[in-house]
Amino acid sequence: MKFLAIVISAISLVFYSYAVEKKKDMASFEASEITYPSVKVVYDWNLGSPEDVGKALNFLRNHFKAYDEYSPLEEVEIVVVSHGAEIPIFAKQNYKVFKEIVDRIKNFHDSYGVKFYVCYNAAKAFGFDREDFPSFVILTPAGVAKLAALQEEGYRLVPAVVHDFKAVRERYGKKKEK
C-alpha cells in the first residue's frame, strides 16, 4: 500500500511539474474588478462598404460583452458616427437588402441606447435626405465635426477597422487536431 501511495505521489508530482512548466509559457489574463472602468466611447465608421457594417457591429457586441462579463457594475456609453460608404445601409429604401444588419443596429439602439449619427454631407452625396432614414438615425451636419465634438465631450475615439479575419484564421489560426 505504501508503494502505491509513493507511485501515485510521484505521478502527481510529474503532472504538477508539467502543469507549472506549461503555465510559465502562457499569456497572462488581465481581469479584475476594475478591468474596464465607466467610459464614453465613439466608434468612427468610415467603412468601405455597407457589407462591412456587420463586422463593425461585432465591435459593439464585444464591447458590451466585455462589460457584462468583467465589469458588470461599470457603465459604458457608446455612440457611432457613420460617414463612409456604409451610409446606404441606414436608408429605408435598402432595408430589405440589409434587413438582418439593420435589425441588429436597431437592437443596439433599443437595448443599449447606442446612438447612430450619420453624416448629412455624406448622406446627400448618396442622394439621401432626412425622410430617407428611420427615426433611430440622427443626422449630423458633418461626421468629422461630430467626432471632434464628441471627443471634446469626453468620448474616447475607437476607429472601426474592419478586416476579413476568415482568410487569416484559415491560414494562421490554431489548427484543429484530427
Protein backbone atom coordinates (compact mmCIF):
# COMPACT_ATOMS: atom_id res chain seq x y z
CA MET A 1 0.00 0.00 0.00
CA LYS A 2 2.86 2.34 0.88
CA PHE A 3 4.43 1.62 -2.53
CA LEU A 4 1.15 2.55 -4.29
CA ALA A 5 0.99 5.83 -2.36
CA ILE A 6 4.57 6.64 -3.39
CA VAL A 7 3.81 5.85 -7.06
CA ILE A 8 0.65 8.00 -7.01
CA SER A 9 2.57 10.84 -5.35
CA ALA A 10 5.33 10.58 -7.93
CA ILE A 11 2.85 10.62 -10.81
CA SER A 12 1.05 13.59 -9.26
CA LEU A 13 4.34 15.44 -8.88
CA VAL A 14 5.20 14.81 -12.55
CA PHE A 15 1.80 16.12 -13.72
CA TYR A 16 2.01 19.12 -11.35
CA SER A 17 5.52 19.95 -12.59
CA TYR A 18 4.32 19.67 -16.18
CA ALA A 19 1.35 21.96 -15.47
CA VAL A 20 3.55 24.55 -13.73
CA GLU A 21 6.08 24.46 -16.57
CA LYS A 22 3.30 24.71 -19.16
CA LYS A 23 1.77 27.68 -17.31
CA LYS A 24 5.10 29.55 -17.45
CA ASP A 25 4.78 29.61 -21.25
CA MET A 26 1.25 31.01 -21.31
CA ALA A 27 -0.11 34.51 -21.74
CA SER A 28 -1.40 36.15 -18.59
CA PHE A 29 -5.05 37.14 -18.44
CA GLU A 30 -5.73 40.66 -17.23
CA ALA A 31 -9.09 40.75 -15.50
CA SER A 32 -10.12 42.34 -12.24
CA GLU A 33 -12.98 44.31 -10.77
CA ILE A 34 -11.59 47.42 -12.48
CA THR A 35 -10.51 45.99 -15.84
CA TYR A 36 -12.95 48.26 -17.67
CA PRO A 37 -13.94 51.47 -15.87
CA SER A 38 -17.01 53.50 -16.79
CA VAL A 39 -16.39 55.21 -20.11
CA LYS A 40 -18.00 57.02 -23.03
CA VAL A 41 -16.94 55.74 -26.46
CA VAL A 42 -17.46 56.96 -30.02
CA TYR A 43 -16.94 54.48 -32.83
CA ASP A 44 -15.73 56.05 -36.07
CA TRP A 45 -17.37 54.31 -39.02
CA ASN A 46 -15.79 55.25 -42.32
CA LEU A 47 -16.17 51.81 -43.83
CA GLY A 48 -15.50 50.60 -47.34
CA SER A 49 -18.99 49.22 -48.00
CA PRO A 50 -22.40 48.63 -46.41
CA GLU A 51 -21.49 44.95 -46.06
CA ASP A 52 -18.72 45.89 -43.59
CA VAL A 53 -21.30 47.08 -41.05
CA GLY A 54 -21.99 43.53 -39.84
CA LYS A 55 -18.34 43.16 -38.84
CA ALA A 56 -18.25 46.65 -37.32
CA LEU A 57 -21.30 45.76 -35.20
CA ASN A 58 -19.29 42.89 -33.76
CA PHE A 59 -17.05 45.50 -32.10
CA LEU A 60 -20.09 46.89 -30.29
CA ARG A 61 -21.22 43.39 -29.30
CA ASN A 62 -17.75 42.56 -27.96
CA HIS A 63 -17.55 45.87 -26.13
CA PHE A 64 -20.84 45.31 -24.30
CA LYS A 65 -19.94 41.65 -23.65
CA ALA A 66 -16.65 42.69 -22.01
CA TYR A 67 -18.52 44.95 -19.61
CA ASP A 68 -21.20 42.32 -18.92
CA GLU A 69 -18.58 39.66 -18.11
CA TYR A 70 -15.74 41.59 -16.48
CA SER A 71 -17.05 44.93 -15.20
CA PRO A 72 -20.79 44.46 -14.65
CA LEU A 73 -21.04 47.33 -12.18
CA GLU A 74 -19.40 49.82 -14.52
CA GLU A 75 -21.15 51.71 -17.30
CA VAL A 76 -20.31 52.14 -20.95
CA GLU A 77 -22.00 54.62 -23.25
CA ILE A 78 -21.45 54.02 -26.96
CA VAL A 79 -22.25 56.19 -29.95
CA VAL A 80 -21.41 55.60 -33.61
CA VAL A 81 -20.60 58.26 -36.17
CA SER A 82 -21.08 56.99 -39.72
CA HIS A 83 -19.54 59.00 -42.55
CA GLY A 84 -18.38 56.46 -45.13
CA ALA A 85 -19.60 54.09 -47.82
CA GLU A 86 -21.73 52.26 -45.24
CA ILE A 87 -24.33 55.06 -45.12
CA PRO A 88 -26.73 53.45 -47.65
CA ILE A 89 -27.36 50.66 -45.14
CA PHE A 90 -29.31 53.14 -43.00
CA ALA A 91 -31.60 54.26 -45.85
CA LYS A 92 -35.17 52.99 -45.71
CA GLN A 93 -35.06 52.01 -49.40
CA ASN A 94 -32.31 49.46 -48.63
CA TYR A 95 -33.94 47.84 -45.61
CA LYS A 96 -34.95 44.66 -47.43
CA VAL A 97 -31.42 44.16 -48.75
CA PHE A 98 -29.78 44.70 -45.33
CA LYS A 99 -32.66 43.68 -43.04
CA GLU A 100 -30.59 41.47 -40.70
CA ILE A 101 -27.89 44.10 -40.18
CA VAL A 102 -30.34 46.99 -39.83
CA ASP A 103 -32.32 44.98 -37.27
CA ARG A 104 -29.07 44.47 -35.31
CA ILE A 105 -28.40 48.22 -35.46
CA LYS A 106 -31.90 48.96 -34.19
CA ASN A 107 -31.47 46.37 -31.45
CA PHE A 108 -28.27 48.08 -30.24
CA HIS A 109 -30.18 51.36 -30.26
CA ASP A 110 -33.22 50.00 -28.43
CA SER A 111 -31.47 47.64 -25.99
CA TYR A 112 -28.29 49.55 -25.14
CA GLY A 113 -29.12 53.13 -26.05
CA VAL A 114 -26.46 53.32 -28.78
CA LYS A 115 -26.87 56.50 -30.80
CA PHE A 116 -26.17 56.30 -34.52
CA TYR A 117 -25.10 59.61 -36.05
CA VAL A 118 -25.00 59.72 -39.84
CA CYS A 119 -23.09 62.43 -41.68
CA TYR A 120 -25.61 64.56 -43.57
CA ASN A 121 -22.97 65.72 -46.07
CA ALA A 122 -22.21 62.11 -47.00
CA ALA A 123 -25.90 61.16 -47.00
CA LYS A 124 -26.59 63.94 -49.51
CA ALA A 125 -23.67 62.70 -51.63
CA PHE A 126 -25.59 59.39 -51.90
CA GLY A 127 -28.74 61.34 -52.82
CA PHE A 128 -30.48 60.85 -49.46
CA ASP A 129 -32.33 63.38 -47.33
CA ARG A 130 -33.94 63.35 -43.87
CA GLU A 131 -37.06 61.45 -44.90
CA ASP A 132 -34.92 58.62 -46.28
CA PHE A 133 -33.76 57.48 -42.82
CA PRO A 134 -35.59 55.77 -39.94
CA SER A 135 -36.20 57.55 -36.65
CA PHE A 136 -33.32 55.85 -34.78
CA VAL A 137 -30.80 57.65 -37.06
CA ILE A 138 -29.56 61.09 -36.03
CA LEU A 139 -28.32 63.16 -38.96
CA THR A 140 -25.41 65.40 -38.10
CA PRO A 141 -24.21 68.16 -40.47
CA ALA A 142 -20.65 66.80 -40.74
CA GLY A 143 -19.47 63.45 -39.39
CA VAL A 144 -15.88 64.52 -38.80
CA ALA A 145 -17.03 67.60 -36.89
CA LYS A 146 -19.31 65.40 -34.76
CA LEU A 147 -16.37 63.09 -33.98
CA ALA A 148 -14.33 66.06 -32.76
CA ALA A 149 -17.25 67.45 -30.73
CA LEU A 150 -17.87 64.12 -29.01
CA GLN A 151 -14.18 63.82 -28.13
CA GLU A 152 -14.37 67.28 -26.61
CA GLU A 153 -17.30 65.98 -24.51
CA GLY A 154 -15.06 63.22 -23.15
CA TYR A 155 -15.86 60.38 -25.54
CA ARG A 156 -12.94 58.07 -26.34
CA LEU A 157 -12.40 57.52 -30.07
CA VAL A 158 -12.39 53.95 -31.34
CA PRO A 159 -11.80 53.58 -35.09
CA ALA A 160 -13.70 50.66 -36.58
CA VAL A 161 -11.10 48.97 -38.73
CA VAL A 162 -12.73 46.02 -40.46
CA HIS A 163 -10.72 43.09 -41.77
CA ASP A 164 -11.56 39.70 -43.21
CA PHE A 165 -10.45 37.50 -40.33
CA LYS A 166 -11.65 34.31 -42.02
CA ALA A 167 -8.81 34.11 -44.55
CA VAL A 168 -6.19 34.93 -41.93
CA ARG A 169 -7.69 32.46 -39.44
CA GLU A 170 -7.70 29.70 -42.08
CA ARG A 171 -4.05 30.32 -42.87
CA TYR A 172 -2.56 31.14 -39.47
CA GLY A 173 -5.17 30.23 -36.83
CA LYS A 174 -4.91 27.34 -34.42
CA LYS A 175 -5.19 24.06 -36.25
CA LYS A 176 -7.67 21.51 -35.00
CA GLU A 177 -6.26 18.13 -34.14
CA LYS A 178 -7.60 15.28 -36.23
